């Protein structure tokens, strides 16, 4: 029995030793594979980190590069969908409120200032005389439903003010039609309220006394600022519309020439509060090489009528000859809600009966020179019969400008309404005199042309 147990023990020990040897070999093989896996994992992590670093550099380079849409042109003007970008860039910066109504006077030493920050969508208006400011959020949208994508409506929403600002601006909202272009050596911004009447900000801060007679406030930014509104300076003469007719916003009037920003008109109808329907015009930016620039035009037949430039923001329809000179011009004045309407003071309408006016047209219409001073001129043109049928433009050298309207009285013309330098009344009578025209002043608020003054005009030929 003892031998049997010894043999069994020997067999069991041999079996255990064989088992132990096999397990130790397997453990040595497993350890080597683990090291390989860990080394491969470490290499994979390094590769992943390198790939992530490379991707990060590529993303940084993409963020630094321009992100414009592929169909968006560099200047932002050609595609109507990019007008918002162009208008925001154009507004950005500091604008000085022009103090001289229509006349271009040197700005006050400390003019009121309107400053736009397009990046934040905020604006600040500072009153020079009080050094007080009002703060706004601003947005751009469309002034006319008939002309989408123009971003020509400026909305100012008051957010606060300095302590001594005259009234609480917070929460007040104002909407303004905006017309903007580079005009000569400076940028020009016209704004006009589109609501029914003036708001508190428009009336008490901007002030109706600083409006042009056409209803716009004028803001300027000179050449020393970073001009953003399109190209620097006026568009070249090569950009003139020749031998045809076009529409545009007139900026400056020099008597013998003017600067015009070409636009595309939209003819529509406007329902008024009383239910009446008015034929009006809206305007769109023109798809051309100089959409935000004015272009200079000479006025044919008014070469001797030059005067100091005035702001004259109206929508005009102009007819040009082959040389690009304007031969006819119809004015559309600001009417209501930002729309324009043909002025009674514009070109004659279809109701001007040739049988009534033919004879006096031959006698009076044309350009005339003062017989005693050929630098002074009188230009007579046909006008709407509702104004009398004739428009008279006097330029009295170094003295004044007179705009008047006259009706027929036999073979004479009688001035039924007239103003000197836009604010003093004047009346008179015109009659032919030996191939020329004699003008007699009958009523006048202008001291230098009192009643009884006579002026003789002759043909320049």
Foldseek 3Di string as FASTA:
>chain_A
DVVVVVVVVVVVVVVVVVVVVVVVVVVVVVVVVVVVVVVVVVVVVVVVVVVVVVVVVVVVVVVVDDDDDPPQDPCQPQDLLSLQVLVLQQQAAKWFWQQPAFAHDPRDPFGWIWHADSVQQKIKTAHRVVRKIWIWRKAFADLDPLAGSFSQKIKTATCAIPDVDPDGRHGDIFIWGWAWAAEAFKIKIWIAGLDDDDDCCVPVPVHPSQHHPLGITIIIGGNVPDRRQADGGADEQVPFDAQFKFKFWWFKDFQFKTWTQTWDKDWDWDQDPVRDIDTWIDTHQDNDNGSRHIYMAGAPQRPLGGDRMTTDTWMKMFGHYRSRHTDAIWTWGQDHSRITHTDQFGAEDPPPDCVVCVVLCVQDAGKWAFPVHRSKIKHKHAGYVVQAGIWIWTRDPPPWIKTFGWHDDPSKTWTPWMDTNPPKTWIWIWHDDPQWIKIATQPTPDPVRHHGDIIIIHHPD
